[in-house]
C-alpha atoms as a PDB file:
ATOM      1  CA  UNK A   1      79.802 108.787  74.864  1.00  0.00           C
ATOM      2  CA  UNK A   2      80.543 112.270  76.183  1.00  0.00           C
ATOM      3  CA  UNK A   3      83.176 112.361  78.895  1.00  0.00           C
ATOM      4  CA  UNK A   4      84.272 114.938  81.395  1.00  0.00           C
ATOM      5  CA  UNK A   5      87.221 115.492  83.708  1.00  0.00           C
ATOM      6  CA  UNK A   6      85.840 114.085  86.953  1.00  0.00           C
ATOM      7  CA  UNK A   7      86.308 115.809  90.287  1.00  0.00           C
ATOM      8  CA  UNK A   8      86.571 113.230  93.035  1.00  0.00           C
ATOM      9  CA  UNK A   9      85.111 114.052  96.418  1.00  0.00           C
ATOM     10  CA  UNK A  10      85.998 112.095  99.521  1.00  0.00           C
ATOM     11  CA  UNK A  11      84.164 111.849 102.839  1.00  0.00           C
ATOM     12  CA  UNK A  12      85.942 113.244 105.862  1.00  0.00           C
ATOM     13  CA  UNK A  13      84.249 114.100 109.171  1.00  0.00           C
ATOM     14  CA  UNK A  14      80.872 113.270 107.608  1.00  0.00           C
ATOM     15  CA  UNK A  15      81.370 115.883 104.870  1.00  0.00           C
ATOM     16  CA  UNK A  16      82.320 115.630 101.199  1.00  0.00           C
ATOM     17  CA  UNK A  17      85.655 117.257 100.368  1.00  0.00           C
ATOM     18  CA  UNK A  18      86.889 117.513  96.746  1.00  0.00           C
ATOM     19  CA  UNK A  19      90.420 116.446  96.015  1.00  0.00           C
ATOM     20  CA  UNK A  20      92.627 119.556  95.876  1.00  0.00           C
ATOM     21  CA  UNK A  21      93.179 120.940  92.389  1.00  0.00           C
ATOM     22  CA  UNK A  22      96.158 119.378  90.686  1.00  0.00           C
ATOM     23  CA  UNK A  23      95.983 116.136  92.645  1.00  0.00           C
ATOM     24  CA  UNK A  24      97.178 113.235  90.452  1.00  0.00           C
ATOM     25  CA  UNK A  25      95.554 110.145  91.959  1.00  0.00           C
ATOM     26  CA  UNK A  26      97.798 110.085  95.065  1.00  0.00           C
ATOM     27  CA  UNK A  27     100.169 112.993  94.427  1.00  0.00           C
ATOM     28  CA  UNK A  28      99.657 116.752  94.899  1.00  0.00           C
ATOM     29  CA  UNK A  29     101.117 118.801  92.028  1.00  0.00           C
ATOM     30  CA  UNK A  30      99.966 122.223  93.274  1.00  0.00           C
ATOM     31  CA  UNK A  31     100.914 123.579  96.701  1.00  0.00           C
ATOM     32  CA  UNK A  32      98.271 126.223  97.435  1.00  0.00           C
ATOM     33  CA  UNK A  33      95.202 124.101  96.713  1.00  0.00           C
ATOM     34  CA  UNK A  34      96.665 121.425  98.973  1.00  0.00           C
ATOM     35  CA  UNK A  35      97.372 123.895 101.794  1.00  0.00           C
ATOM     36  CA  UNK A  36      93.808 125.257 101.579  1.00  0.00           C
ATOM     37  CA  UNK A  37      92.173 121.853 101.531  1.00  0.00           C
ATOM     38  CA  UNK A  38      90.331 120.704 104.698  1.00  0.00           C
ATOM     39  CA  UNK A  39      90.869 117.068 103.636  1.00  0.00           C
ATOM     40  CA  UNK A  40      94.246 116.878 105.407  1.00  0.00           C
ATOM     41  CA  UNK A  41      95.646 118.046 108.714  1.00  0.00           C
ATOM     42  CA  UNK A  42      98.523 120.505 108.675  1.00  0.00           C
ATOM     43  CA  UNK A  43     100.893 117.656 109.548  1.00  0.00           C
ATOM     44  CA  UNK A  44      99.447 115.556 106.711  1.00  0.00           C
ATOM     45  CA  UNK A  45      99.919 118.423 104.214  1.00  0.00           C
ATOM     46  CA  UNK A  46     103.511 118.916 105.328  1.00  0.00           C
ATOM     47  CA  UNK A  47     104.203 115.194 104.961  1.00  0.00           C
ATOM     48  CA  UNK A  48     102.784 115.203 101.426  1.00  0.00           C
ATOM     49  CA  UNK A  49     105.005 118.137 100.436  1.00  0.00           C
ATOM     50  CA  UNK A  50     108.114 116.518 101.957  1.00  0.00           C
ATOM     51  CA  UNK A  51     107.872 113.579  99.501  1.00  0.00           C
ATOM     52  CA  UNK A  52     110.811 114.765  97.310  1.00  0.00           C
ATOM     53  CA  UNK A  53     113.122 114.375 100.322  1.00  0.00           C
ATOM     54  CA  UNK A  54     112.056 110.822 101.193  1.00  0.00           C
ATOM     55  CA  UNK A  55     114.721 108.318 100.037  1.00  0.00           C
ATOM     56  CA  UNK A  56     113.696 106.010  97.249  1.00  0.00           C
ATOM     57  CA  UNK A  57     113.255 102.305  97.918  1.00  0.00           C
ATOM     58  CA  UNK A  58     116.436 100.309  97.337  1.00  0.00           C
ATOM     59  CA  UNK A  59     115.972  98.283  94.147  1.00  0.00           C
ATOM     60  CA  UNK A  60     116.303  94.523  94.379  1.00  0.00           C
ATOM     61  CA  UNK A  61     115.455  92.110  91.606  1.00  0.00           C
ATOM     62  CA  UNK A  62     112.113  90.438  92.308  1.00  0.00           C
ATOM     63  CA  UNK A  63     110.585  88.051  89.761  1.00  0.00           C
ATOM     64  CA  UNK A  64     113.019  89.365  87.135  1.00  0.00           C
ATOM     65  CA  UNK A  65     111.777  92.915  87.779  1.00  0.00           C
ATOM     66  CA  UNK A  66     114.270  95.700  88.504  1.00  0.00           C
ATOM     67  CA  UNK A  67     111.617  97.539  90.565  1.00  0.00           C
ATOM     68  CA  UNK A  68     110.563  95.668  93.705  1.00  0.00           C
ATOM     69  CA  UNK A  69     106.858  95.273  94.292  1.00  0.00           C
ATOM     70  CA  UNK A  70     105.005  96.242  97.473  1.00  0.00           C
ATOM     71  CA  UNK A  71     101.449  96.913  98.494  1.00  0.00           C
ATOM     72  CA  UNK A  72      99.671 100.173  97.648  1.00  0.00           C
ATOM     73  CA  UNK A  73      99.527 100.883 101.376  1.00  0.00           C
ATOM     74  CA  UNK A  74     103.256 100.389 101.815  1.00  0.00           C
ATOM     75  CA  UNK A  75     104.099 102.581  98.784  1.00  0.00           C
ATOM     76  CA  UNK A  76     101.734 105.447  99.601  1.00  0.00           C
ATOM     77  CA  UNK A  77     102.574 105.544 103.322  1.00  0.00           C
ATOM     78  CA  UNK A  78     106.290 105.403 102.555  1.00  0.00           C
ATOM     79  CA  UNK A  79     106.166 108.144  99.913  1.00  0.00           C
ATOM     80  CA  UNK A  80     103.370 110.472 101.178  1.00  0.00           C
ATOM     81  CA  UNK A  81     102.456 109.465 104.717  1.00  0.00           C
ATOM     82  CA  UNK A  82      99.636 107.678 106.499  1.00  0.00           C
ATOM     83  CA  UNK A  83      97.027 110.405 105.920  1.00  0.00           C
ATOM     84  CA  UNK A  84      97.533 110.198 102.152  1.00  0.00           C
ATOM     85  CA  UNK A  85      96.685 106.495 102.286  1.00  0.00           C
ATOM     86  CA  UNK A  86      93.814 106.737 104.770  1.00  0.00           C
ATOM     87  CA  UNK A  87      92.128 109.780 103.274  1.00  0.00           C
ATOM     88  CA  UNK A  88      92.831 109.427  99.532  1.00  0.00           C
ATOM     89  CA  UNK A  89      94.463 106.220  98.312  1.00  0.00           C
ATOM     90  CA  UNK A  90      92.392 103.755 100.315  1.00  0.00           C
ATOM     91  CA  UNK A  91      88.921 105.108  99.404  1.00  0.00           C
ATOM     92  CA  UNK A  92      89.895 106.139  95.861  1.00  0.00           C
ATOM     93  CA  UNK A  93      91.795 103.003  94.783  1.00  0.00           C
ATOM     94  CA  UNK A  94      89.566 100.715  96.811  1.00  0.00           C
ATOM     95  CA  UNK A  95      86.604 102.098  94.918  1.00  0.00           C
ATOM     96  CA  UNK A  96      88.274 101.995  91.515  1.00  0.00           C
ATOM     97  CA  UNK A  97      89.551  98.421  91.904  1.00  0.00           C
ATOM     98  CA  UNK A  98      86.704  97.201  94.164  1.00  0.00           C
ATOM     99  CA  UNK A  99      89.351  95.700  96.430  1.00  0.00           C
ATOM    100  CA  UNK A 100      91.228  96.258  99.666  1.00  0.00           C
ATOM    101  CA  UNK A 101      93.743  98.958  98.743  1.00  0.00           C
ATOM    102  CA  UNK A 102      96.092  97.725 101.458  1.00  0.00           C
ATOM    103  CA  UNK A 103      96.443  94.442  99.579  1.00  0.00           C
ATOM    104  CA  UNK A 104      96.703  95.792  96.026  1.00  0.00           C
ATOM    105  CA  UNK A 105     100.024  95.568  94.208  1.00  0.00           C
ATOM    106  CA  UNK A 106     101.562  99.041  93.879  1.00  0.00           C
ATOM    107  CA  UNK A 107     103.228  98.008  90.632  1.00  0.00           C
ATOM    108  CA  UNK A 108      99.879  96.998  89.173  1.00  0.00           C
ATOM    109  CA  UNK A 109      97.644  99.770  90.604  1.00  0.00           C
ATOM    110  CA  UNK A 110     100.138 102.647  90.664  1.00  0.00           C
ATOM    111  CA  UNK A 111     102.683 101.582  88.044  1.00  0.00           C
ATOM    112  CA  UNK A 112     103.489 105.026  86.656  1.00  0.00           C
ATOM    113  CA  UNK A 113     104.078 106.429  90.151  1.00  0.00           C
ATOM    114  CA  UNK A 114     106.316 103.498  91.092  1.00  0.00           C
ATOM    115  CA  UNK A 115     108.261 104.105  87.861  1.00  0.00           C
ATOM    116  CA  UNK A 116     108.630 107.801  88.714  1.00  0.00           C
ATOM    117  CA  UNK A 117     110.183 106.942  92.071  1.00  0.00           C
ATOM    118  CA  UNK A 118     112.513 104.458  90.391  1.00  0.00           C
ATOM    119  CA  UNK A 119     113.640 106.923  87.706  1.00  0.00           C
ATOM    120  CA  UNK A 120     113.670 110.234  89.636  1.00  0.00           C
ATOM    121  CA  UNK A 121     113.951 109.171  93.271  1.00  0.00           C
ATOM    122  CA  UNK A 122     110.672 110.947  93.976  1.00  0.00           C
ATOM    123  CA  UNK A 123     107.116 110.851  92.587  1.00  0.00           C
ATOM    124  CA  UNK A 124     106.701 114.660  92.750  1.00  0.00           C
ATOM    125  CA  UNK A 125     110.095 115.331  91.129  1.00  0.00           C
ATOM    126  CA  UNK A 126     109.174 112.890  88.392  1.00  0.00           C
ATOM    127  CA  UNK A 127     105.797 114.554  87.807  1.00  0.00           C
ATOM    128  CA  UNK A 128     107.465 117.954  87.590  1.00  0.00           C
ATOM    129  CA  UNK A 129     110.043 116.625  85.116  1.00  0.00           C
ATOM    130  CA  UNK A 130     107.290 115.057  83.004  1.00  0.00           C
ATOM    131  CA  UNK A 131     105.273 118.292  83.026  1.00  0.00           C
ATOM    132  CA  UNK A 132     108.326 120.322  81.990  1.00  0.00           C
ATOM    133  CA  UNK A 133     109.269 117.980  79.122  1.00  0.00           C
ATOM    134  CA  UNK A 134     105.650 117.861  77.917  1.00  0.00           C
ATOM    135  CA  UNK A 135     105.031 121.608  78.058  1.00  0.00           C
ATOM    136  CA  UNK A 136     106.308 122.266  74.532  1.00  0.00           C
ATOM    137  CA  UNK A 137     104.279 119.397  73.089  1.00  0.00           C
ATOM    138  CA  UNK A 138     101.197 120.549  74.978  1.00  0.00           C
ATOM    139  CA  UNK A 139     101.454 124.015  73.416  1.00  0.00           C
ATOM    140  CA  UNK A 140     101.497 122.421  69.981  1.00  0.00           C
ATOM    141  CA  UNK A 141      98.829 119.758  70.489  1.00  0.00           C
ATOM    142  CA  UNK A 142      96.491 121.477  72.953  1.00  0.00           C
ATOM    143  CA  UNK A 143      95.855 120.915  76.656  1.00  0.00           C
ATOM    144  CA  UNK A 144      96.832 117.587  78.209  1.00  0.00           C
ATOM    145  CA  UNK A 145      94.198 114.925  78.710  1.00  0.00           C
ATOM    146  CA  UNK A 146      92.565 114.925  82.139  1.00  0.00           C
ATOM    147  CA  UNK A 147      93.855 112.464  84.728  1.00  0.00           C
ATOM    148  CA  UNK A 148      90.497 110.747  85.048  1.00  0.00           C
ATOM    149  CA  UNK A 149      87.617 110.483  82.603  1.00  0.00           C
ATOM    150  CA  UNK A 150      84.039 109.446  83.232  1.00  0.00           C
ATOM    151  CA  UNK A 151      80.700 109.660  81.507  1.00  0.00           C
ATOM    152  CA  UNK A 152      79.279 113.181  81.508  1.00  0.00           C
ATOM    153  CA  UNK A 153      76.257 112.242  83.627  1.00  0.00           C
ATOM    154  CA  UNK A 154      78.021 109.580  85.741  1.00  0.00           C
ATOM    155  CA  UNK A 155      78.510 105.861  85.331  1.00  0.00           C
ATOM    156  CA  UNK A 156      74.864 105.245  86.241  1.00  0.00           C
ATOM    157  CA  UNK A 157      73.884 106.714  82.887  1.00  0.00           C
ATOM    158  CA  UNK A 158      75.529 103.717  81.199  1.00  0.00           C
ATOM    159  CA  UNK A 159      73.230 101.336  83.027  1.00  0.00           C
ATOM    160  CA  UNK A 160      70.226 103.488  82.152  1.00  0.00           C
ATOM    161  CA  UNK A 161      71.167 103.520  78.485  1.00  0.00           C
ATOM    162  CA  UNK A 162      71.675  99.741  78.428  1.00  0.00           C
ATOM    163  CA  UNK A 163      68.277  99.243  80.072  1.00  0.00           C
ATOM    164  CA  UNK A 164      66.705 101.313  77.293  1.00  0.00           C
ATOM    165  CA  UNK A 165      68.191  99.083  74.626  1.00  0.00           C
ATOM    166  CA  UNK A 166      67.274  95.744  76.226  1.00  0.00           C
ATOM    167  CA  UNK A 167      63.779  94.365  75.557  1.00  0.00           C
ATOM    168  CA  UNK A 168      61.414  95.306  78.437  1.00  0.00           C
ATOM    169  CA  UNK A 169      60.710  91.625  79.279  1.00  0.00           C
ATOM    170  CA  UNK A 170      64.377  90.803  79.730  1.00  0.00           C
ATOM    171  CA  UNK A 171      65.916  92.961  82.489  1.00  0.00           C
ATOM    172  CA  UNK A 172      64.964  92.636  86.138  1.00  0.00           C
ATOM    173  CA  UNK A 173      65.901  96.009  87.661  1.00  0.00           C
ATOM    174  CA  UNK A 174      65.880  96.807  91.347  1.00  0.00           C
ATOM    175  CA  UNK A 175      66.920  93.376  92.593  1.00  0.00           C
ATOM    176  CA  UNK A 176      70.260  91.906  93.596  1.00  0.00           C
ATOM    177  CA  UNK A 177      71.839  88.965  91.805  1.00  0.00           C
ATOM    178  CA  UNK A 178      72.661  86.070  94.138  1.00  0.00           C
ATOM    179  CA  UNK A 179      74.152  83.568  91.672  1.00  0.00           C
ATOM    180  CA  UNK A 180      74.859  83.095  87.953  1.00  0.00           C
ATOM    181  CA  UNK A 181      75.029  79.517  86.723  1.00  0.00           C
ATOM    182  CA  UNK A 182      75.535  78.094  83.203  1.00  0.00           C
ATOM    183  CA  UNK A 183      72.964  75.751  81.738  1.00  0.00           C
ATOM    184  CA  UNK A 184      75.274  73.903  79.414  1.00  0.00           C
ATOM    185  CA  UNK A 185      72.676  71.810  77.590  1.00  0.00           C
ATOM    186  CA  UNK A 186      70.520  74.829  76.697  1.00  0.00           C
ATOM    187  CA  UNK A 187      73.626  76.962  76.124  1.00  0.00           C
ATOM    188  CA  UNK A 188      72.304  79.761  78.315  1.00  0.00           C
ATOM    189  CA  UNK A 189      72.706  81.173  81.808  1.00  0.00           C
ATOM    190  CA  UNK A 190      70.459  80.920  84.848  1.00  0.00           C
ATOM    191  CA  UNK A 191      70.396  83.998  87.056  1.00  0.00           C
ATOM    192  CA  UNK A 192      69.173  83.766  90.630  1.00  0.00           C
ATOM    193  CA  UNK A 193      68.028  87.086  92.057  1.00  0.00           C
ATOM    194  CA  UNK A 194      66.313  88.295  95.202  1.00  0.00           C
ATOM    195  CA  UNK A 195      63.062  88.368  93.220  1.00  0.00           C
ATOM    196  CA  UNK A 196      63.311  84.930  91.633  1.00  0.00           C
ATOM    197  CA  UNK A 197      65.189  82.831  89.070  1.00  0.00           C
ATOM    198  CA  UNK A 198      65.224  83.630  85.369  1.00  0.00           C
ATOM    199  CA  UNK A 199      67.110  82.537  82.299  1.00  0.00           C
END
């Protein structure tokens, strides 16, 4: 399926604001787009840019891991400030993982960023080092892959395409599923929806 580099937009003050250019999930890699963005207050922008001067977390062995785990909220607030969590990480990661971002494991959801802090003492310093070391390879092999990929016409196009392939009598579109139960004897599933039960 065709893919495109997606531009995330987030709601702030009842308006959609795109993530500043160069934003890598939770980390700004370009200064001017961040400074021009209405998504953050001046104080929030300054806090994001001060990340390289924030001390790294002291490593203690936890579950045989050299990098201690913490919540996404704890990691993002500690490295980038509260606005970065409230205005980017919480809606973005909460949507991607369909979960409460405050309860997500930083090691699981933001593993590469946690590793950058561990190795370089700073996420932004680590991203800069990675970009520098990859620049020669990028010139040889073409531009780097985008940070996020999605279907060209949005994820809804996947559902539309699946609906086209399924026999017309089978799908029940436009209704919510309330329960899915196995019918072991018949080796099939019973699906209870807001418009009835079907198997």
